[in-house]
C-alpha cells in the first residue's frame, strides 16, 4: 500500500473532525496522520490527512470526503510537488554526545536538565524516524509527534483551487452542523 497526503478544507465548526474521522472508521481505512488547524480565513479549517490506501480506495476516500456537507474541497498533495513535515519532541536521558547527533538532523534542545533533555525536530517523517533511531541508544524516555502538515509548491493556495474547480465562494455564512 502507498501513503497519500490529502489536504481537506472544511468549515471551522464543531463536529466536523468527528464526521471526517467517522467516515474513515466506517470504511475501515486507517488514518496514519491527522493535523487540523485554522487557515488564513477564520471560518475555514484545513485538515492534512495521511492515509495508507491503494488507487481505487484513494479515489473512494476522496469522493466520500467530498460528499460531506462541511467539506469545502479535497486535494491530494504529491510529495514531489510539496513540502511535507512533522514536529517531534523527544525526551531522552542526558548524554554529552547527544548534541553532535541532533545537529546532523537540524534538531535542537529545548529543555536540558541533569538527567534528561527534550529535543525538538521539525523535519520530514523519514528524517525524524532516523533521528529517533539514533537517539534509542541514549534511552528514549518518551516522545510525541504532530501529524504531517503539507503545502503544495507554487503561489496558488488550496482555496484558489477550490474557487477554480467549483466556482463557489469560500465566504459562506451557513453552519451545517446538523
C-alpha atoms as a PDB file:
ATOM      1  CA  UNK A   1       0.000   0.000   0.000  1.00  0.00           C
ATOM      2  CA  UNK A   2       1.065   3.572  -0.530  1.00  0.00           C
ATOM      3  CA  UNK A   3       0.750   6.588   1.728  1.00  0.00           C
ATOM      4  CA  UNK A   4      -1.160   9.535   0.321  1.00  0.00           C
ATOM      5  CA  UNK A   5      -1.437  13.032   1.769  1.00  0.00           C
ATOM      6  CA  UNK A   6      -4.800  14.759   1.475  1.00  0.00           C
ATOM      7  CA  UNK A   7      -5.463  18.449   2.093  1.00  0.00           C
ATOM      8  CA  UNK A   8      -9.064  18.982   3.136  1.00  0.00           C
ATOM      9  CA  UNK A   9     -10.658  22.407   3.574  1.00  0.00           C
ATOM     10  CA  UNK A  10     -13.627  22.277   5.940  1.00  0.00           C
ATOM     11  CA  UNK A  11     -15.955  24.632   7.756  1.00  0.00           C
ATOM     12  CA  UNK A  12     -14.418  25.710  11.047  1.00  0.00           C
ATOM     13  CA  UNK A  13     -17.271  24.444  13.198  1.00  0.00           C
ATOM     14  CA  UNK A  14     -17.765  21.864  15.899  1.00  0.00           C
ATOM     15  CA  UNK A  15     -18.323  18.260  14.921  1.00  0.00           C
ATOM     16  CA  UNK A  16     -16.543  18.396  11.544  1.00  0.00           C
ATOM     17  CA  UNK A  17     -13.498  16.458  12.739  1.00  0.00           C
ATOM     18  CA  UNK A  18     -15.749  13.766  14.221  1.00  0.00           C
ATOM     19  CA  UNK A  19     -17.647  13.400  10.934  1.00  0.00           C
ATOM     20  CA  UNK A  20     -14.433  13.095   8.906  1.00  0.00           C
ATOM     21  CA  UNK A  21     -12.920  10.565  11.329  1.00  0.00           C
ATOM     22  CA  UNK A  22     -16.188   8.636  11.325  1.00  0.00           C
ATOM     23  CA  UNK A  23     -16.087   8.352   7.530  1.00  0.00           C
ATOM     24  CA  UNK A  24     -12.683   6.663   7.732  1.00  0.00           C
ATOM     25  CA  UNK A  25     -13.801   4.376  10.554  1.00  0.00           C
ATOM     26  CA  UNK A  26     -16.973   3.262   8.709  1.00  0.00           C
ATOM     27  CA  UNK A  27     -14.907   2.268   5.690  1.00  0.00           C
ATOM     28  CA  UNK A  28     -12.178   0.585   7.778  1.00  0.00           C
ATOM     29  CA  UNK A  29      -9.454   2.934   6.498  1.00  0.00           C
ATOM     30  CA  UNK A  30      -6.723   3.772   8.963  1.00  0.00           C
ATOM     31  CA  UNK A  31      -5.516   7.356   9.278  1.00  0.00           C
ATOM     32  CA  UNK A  32      -1.711   7.358   9.600  1.00  0.00           C
ATOM     33  CA  UNK A  33      -1.508  11.054  10.442  1.00  0.00           C
ATOM     34  CA  UNK A  34      -4.003  13.837  11.041  1.00  0.00           C
ATOM     35  CA  UNK A  35      -3.310  17.531  11.612  1.00  0.00           C
ATOM     36  CA  UNK A  36      -6.065  20.139  11.869  1.00  0.00           C
ATOM     37  CA  UNK A  37      -5.879  23.878  12.283  1.00  0.00           C
ATOM     38  CA  UNK A  38      -7.409  27.170  11.226  1.00  0.00           C
ATOM     39  CA  UNK A  39      -6.435  28.814   7.951  1.00  0.00           C
ATOM     40  CA  UNK A  40      -5.938  32.431   6.959  1.00  0.00           C
ATOM     41  CA  UNK A  41      -9.762  32.579   6.866  1.00  0.00           C
ATOM     42  CA  UNK A  42     -11.105  32.049  10.414  1.00  0.00           C
ATOM     43  CA  UNK A  43     -14.264  30.366   9.083  1.00  0.00           C
ATOM     44  CA  UNK A  44     -12.247  27.591   7.404  1.00  0.00           C
ATOM     45  CA  UNK A  45     -10.003  24.893   8.865  1.00  0.00           C
ATOM     46  CA  UNK A  46      -7.508  22.761   6.995  1.00  0.00           C
ATOM     47  CA  UNK A  47      -7.011  19.075   7.657  1.00  0.00           C
ATOM     48  CA  UNK A  48      -3.909  17.290   6.467  1.00  0.00           C
ATOM     49  CA  UNK A  49      -4.639  13.573   6.423  1.00  0.00           C
ATOM     50  CA  UNK A  50      -2.111  10.866   5.590  1.00  0.00           C
ATOM     51  CA  UNK A  51      -3.823   7.617   4.657  1.00  0.00           C
ATOM     52  CA  UNK A  52      -2.332   4.300   3.540  1.00  0.00           C
ATOM     53  CA  UNK A  53      -4.504   3.104   0.627  1.00  0.00           C
ATOM     54  CA  UNK A  54      -4.236   1.994  -2.999  1.00  0.00           C
ATOM     55  CA  UNK A  55      -5.624   3.583  -6.187  1.00  0.00           C
ATOM     56  CA  UNK A  56      -9.347   2.795  -6.211  1.00  0.00           C
ATOM     57  CA  UNK A  57      -9.633   3.102  -2.425  1.00  0.00           C
ATOM     58  CA  UNK A  58      -7.967   6.532  -2.567  1.00  0.00           C
ATOM     59  CA  UNK A  59     -10.480   7.707  -5.170  1.00  0.00           C
ATOM     60  CA  UNK A  60     -13.284   6.364  -2.975  1.00  0.00           C
ATOM     61  CA  UNK A  61     -11.953   8.198   0.096  1.00  0.00           C
ATOM     62  CA  UNK A  62     -11.718  11.472  -1.824  1.00  0.00           C
ATOM     63  CA  UNK A  63     -15.228  11.103  -3.268  1.00  0.00           C
ATOM     64  CA  UNK A  64     -16.700  10.239   0.148  1.00  0.00           C
ATOM     65  CA  UNK A  65     -14.945  13.187   1.817  1.00  0.00           C
ATOM     66  CA  UNK A  66     -16.233  15.499  -0.916  1.00  0.00           C
ATOM     67  CA  UNK A  67     -19.802  14.367  -0.151  1.00  0.00           C
ATOM     68  CA  UNK A  68     -19.630  15.520   3.487  1.00  0.00           C
ATOM     69  CA  UNK A  69     -21.572  18.757   3.853  1.00  0.00           C
ATOM     70  CA  UNK A  70     -18.894  20.612   5.848  1.00  0.00           C
ATOM     71  CA  UNK A  71     -16.117  19.710   3.395  1.00  0.00           C
ATOM     72  CA  UNK A  72     -15.269  22.537   1.028  1.00  0.00           C
ATOM     73  CA  UNK A  73     -12.519  20.892  -1.033  1.00  0.00           C
ATOM     74  CA  UNK A  74     -10.275  17.800  -1.043  1.00  0.00           C
ATOM     75  CA  UNK A  75      -6.967  17.606  -2.866  1.00  0.00           C
ATOM     76  CA  UNK A  76      -4.163  15.058  -2.906  1.00  0.00           C
ATOM     77  CA  UNK A  77      -0.783  16.636  -2.240  1.00  0.00           C
ATOM     78  CA  UNK A  78       2.018  14.937  -4.176  1.00  0.00           C
ATOM     79  CA  UNK A  79       5.288  14.655  -2.217  1.00  0.00           C
ATOM     80  CA  UNK A  80       7.453  15.762  -5.165  1.00  0.00           C
ATOM     81  CA  UNK A  81       5.436  18.967  -5.568  1.00  0.00           C
ATOM     82  CA  UNK A  82       5.125  19.928  -1.908  1.00  0.00           C
ATOM     83  CA  UNK A  83       6.805  20.439   1.409  1.00  0.00           C
ATOM     84  CA  UNK A  84       5.641  17.897   3.999  1.00  0.00           C
ATOM     85  CA  UNK A  85       6.931  17.950   7.558  1.00  0.00           C
ATOM     86  CA  UNK A  86       6.069  16.942  11.094  1.00  0.00           C
ATOM     87  CA  UNK A  87       7.177  18.080  14.530  1.00  0.00           C
ATOM     88  CA  UNK A  88       8.514  15.674  17.145  1.00  0.00           C
ATOM     89  CA  UNK A  89       9.500  16.274  20.751  1.00  0.00           C
ATOM     90  CA  UNK A  90      11.726  13.579  22.252  1.00  0.00           C
ATOM     91  CA  UNK A  91      12.786  13.250  25.875  1.00  0.00           C
ATOM     92  CA  UNK A  92      15.991  11.228  26.281  1.00  0.00           C
ATOM     93  CA  UNK A  93      18.461  10.574  29.055  1.00  0.00           C
ATOM     94  CA  UNK A  94      21.073  13.315  29.129  1.00  0.00           C
ATOM     95  CA  UNK A  95      24.383  12.488  27.470  1.00  0.00           C
ATOM     96  CA  UNK A  96      27.140  14.816  26.173  1.00  0.00           C
ATOM     97  CA  UNK A  97      27.137  13.023  22.779  1.00  0.00           C
ATOM     98  CA  UNK A  98      23.522  13.977  22.022  1.00  0.00           C
ATOM     99  CA  UNK A  99      24.361  17.417  20.637  1.00  0.00           C
ATOM    100  CA  UNK A 100      26.541  16.002  17.842  1.00  0.00           C
ATOM    101  CA  UNK A 101      23.760  13.633  16.774  1.00  0.00           C
ATOM    102  CA  UNK A 102      20.917  16.126  16.784  1.00  0.00           C
ATOM    103  CA  UNK A 103      22.927  18.753  14.895  1.00  0.00           C
ATOM    104  CA  UNK A 104      23.072  16.351  11.908  1.00  0.00           C
ATOM    105  CA  UNK A 105      19.258  16.475  11.761  1.00  0.00           C
ATOM    106  CA  UNK A 106      18.819  20.216  12.335  1.00  0.00           C
ATOM    107  CA  UNK A 107      17.117  19.479  15.657  1.00  0.00           C
ATOM    108  CA  UNK A 108      17.593  21.497  18.831  1.00  0.00           C
ATOM    109  CA  UNK A 109      17.481  21.033  22.567  1.00  0.00           C
ATOM    110  CA  UNK A 110      14.525  22.910  24.072  1.00  0.00           C
ATOM    111  CA  UNK A 111      14.913  21.718  27.674  1.00  0.00           C
ATOM    112  CA  UNK A 112      18.029  20.483  29.429  1.00  0.00           C
ATOM    113  CA  UNK A 113      18.201  19.087  32.951  1.00  0.00           C
ATOM    114  CA  UNK A 114      20.816  16.993  34.674  1.00  0.00           C
ATOM    115  CA  UNK A 115      19.036  13.729  33.867  1.00  0.00           C
ATOM    116  CA  UNK A 116      17.114  14.404  30.655  1.00  0.00           C
ATOM    117  CA  UNK A 117      16.891  16.604  27.581  1.00  0.00           C
ATOM    118  CA  UNK A 118      13.948  17.408  25.353  1.00  0.00           C
ATOM    119  CA  UNK A 119      14.777  17.609  21.667  1.00  0.00           C
ATOM    120  CA  UNK A 120      12.615  19.333  19.059  1.00  0.00           C
ATOM    121  CA  UNK A 121      12.795  18.384  15.397  1.00  0.00           C
ATOM    122  CA  UNK A 122      10.713  19.733  12.547  1.00  0.00           C
ATOM    123  CA  UNK A 123      11.553  17.598   9.588  1.00  0.00           C
ATOM    124  CA  UNK A 124      10.287  15.043   7.106  1.00  0.00           C
ATOM    125  CA  UNK A 125       8.834  11.856   8.538  1.00  0.00           C
ATOM    126  CA  UNK A 126      11.822   9.856   7.242  1.00  0.00           C
ATOM    127  CA  UNK A 127      14.408  12.138   8.849  1.00  0.00           C
ATOM    128  CA  UNK A 128      12.503  12.197  12.144  1.00  0.00           C
ATOM    129  CA  UNK A 129      12.440   8.388  12.095  1.00  0.00           C
ATOM    130  CA  UNK A 130      16.218   8.368  11.539  1.00  0.00           C
ATOM    131  CA  UNK A 131      16.677  10.789  14.433  1.00  0.00           C
ATOM    132  CA  UNK A 132      14.584   8.579  16.720  1.00  0.00           C
ATOM    133  CA  UNK A 133      16.632   5.526  15.716  1.00  0.00           C
ATOM    134  CA  UNK A 134      19.840   7.429  16.512  1.00  0.00           C
ATOM    135  CA  UNK A 135      18.515   8.505  19.911  1.00  0.00           C
ATOM    136  CA  UNK A 136      17.490   4.985  21.010  1.00  0.00           C
ATOM    137  CA  UNK A 137      20.997   4.262  22.305  1.00  0.00           C
ATOM    138  CA  UNK A 138      20.616   7.081  24.855  1.00  0.00           C
ATOM    139  CA  UNK A 139      17.299   5.777  26.164  1.00  0.00           C
ATOM    140  CA  UNK A 140      14.136   7.435  24.911  1.00  0.00           C
ATOM    141  CA  UNK A 141      12.001   8.320  27.910  1.00  0.00           C
ATOM    142  CA  UNK A 142       9.026   9.496  25.839  1.00  0.00           C
ATOM    143  CA  UNK A 143       8.210  11.233  22.607  1.00  0.00           C
ATOM    144  CA  UNK A 144       5.282  12.864  20.866  1.00  0.00           C
ATOM    145  CA  UNK A 145       4.796  13.781  17.237  1.00  0.00           C
ATOM    146  CA  UNK A 146       2.406  16.007  15.387  1.00  0.00           C
ATOM    147  CA  UNK A 147       0.628  14.945  12.277  1.00  0.00           C
ATOM    148  CA  UNK A 148       2.178  15.738   8.915  1.00  0.00           C
ATOM    149  CA  UNK A 149       1.465  19.208   7.585  1.00  0.00           C
ATOM    150  CA  UNK A 150       1.936  19.939   3.899  1.00  0.00           C
ATOM    151  CA  UNK A 151       1.780  22.785   1.409  1.00  0.00           C
ATOM    152  CA  UNK A 152       1.995  22.482  -2.362  1.00  0.00           C
ATOM    153  CA  UNK A 153       4.790  24.388  -4.068  1.00  0.00           C
ATOM    154  CA  UNK A 154       3.959  27.497  -6.082  1.00  0.00           C
ATOM    155  CA  UNK A 155       1.907  30.594  -5.464  1.00  0.00           C
ATOM    156  CA  UNK A 156      -1.578  29.058  -5.723  1.00  0.00           C
ATOM    157  CA  UNK A 157      -3.399  28.295  -2.477  1.00  0.00           C
ATOM    158  CA  UNK A 158      -5.730  25.346  -1.937  1.00  0.00           C
ATOM    159  CA  UNK A 159      -8.593  27.832  -1.583  1.00  0.00           C
ATOM    160  CA  UNK A 160      -7.730  29.204  -5.057  1.00  0.00           C
ATOM    161  CA  UNK A 161      -8.044  25.689  -6.483  1.00  0.00           C
ATOM    162  CA  UNK A 162     -11.435  25.395  -4.818  1.00  0.00           C
ATOM    163  CA  UNK A 163     -12.695  28.549  -6.469  1.00  0.00           C
ATOM    164  CA  UNK A 164     -11.342  27.434  -9.864  1.00  0.00           C
ATOM    165  CA  UNK A 165     -12.797  23.922  -9.647  1.00  0.00           C
ATOM    166  CA  UNK A 166     -16.148  24.556  -8.009  1.00  0.00           C
ATOM    167  CA  UNK A 167     -16.800  28.201  -8.944  1.00  0.00           C
ATOM    168  CA  UNK A 168     -18.122  28.792  -5.454  1.00  0.00           C
ATOM    169  CA  UNK A 169     -17.105  31.305  -2.872  1.00  0.00           C
ATOM    170  CA  UNK A 170     -15.425  30.096   0.302  1.00  0.00           C
ATOM    171  CA  UNK A 171     -17.038  33.057   2.108  1.00  0.00           C
ATOM    172  CA  UNK A 172     -20.043  31.071   3.344  1.00  0.00           C
ATOM    173  CA  UNK A 173     -22.401  32.075   6.110  1.00  0.00           C
ATOM    174  CA  UNK A 174     -24.271  28.830   6.708  1.00  0.00           C
ATOM    175  CA  UNK A 175     -23.292  26.500   9.503  1.00  0.00           C
ATOM    176  CA  UNK A 176     -24.108  22.894   8.610  1.00  0.00           C
ATOM    177  CA  UNK A 177     -23.582  21.268  11.974  1.00  0.00           C
ATOM    178  CA  UNK A 178     -26.727  19.153  11.965  1.00  0.00           C
END
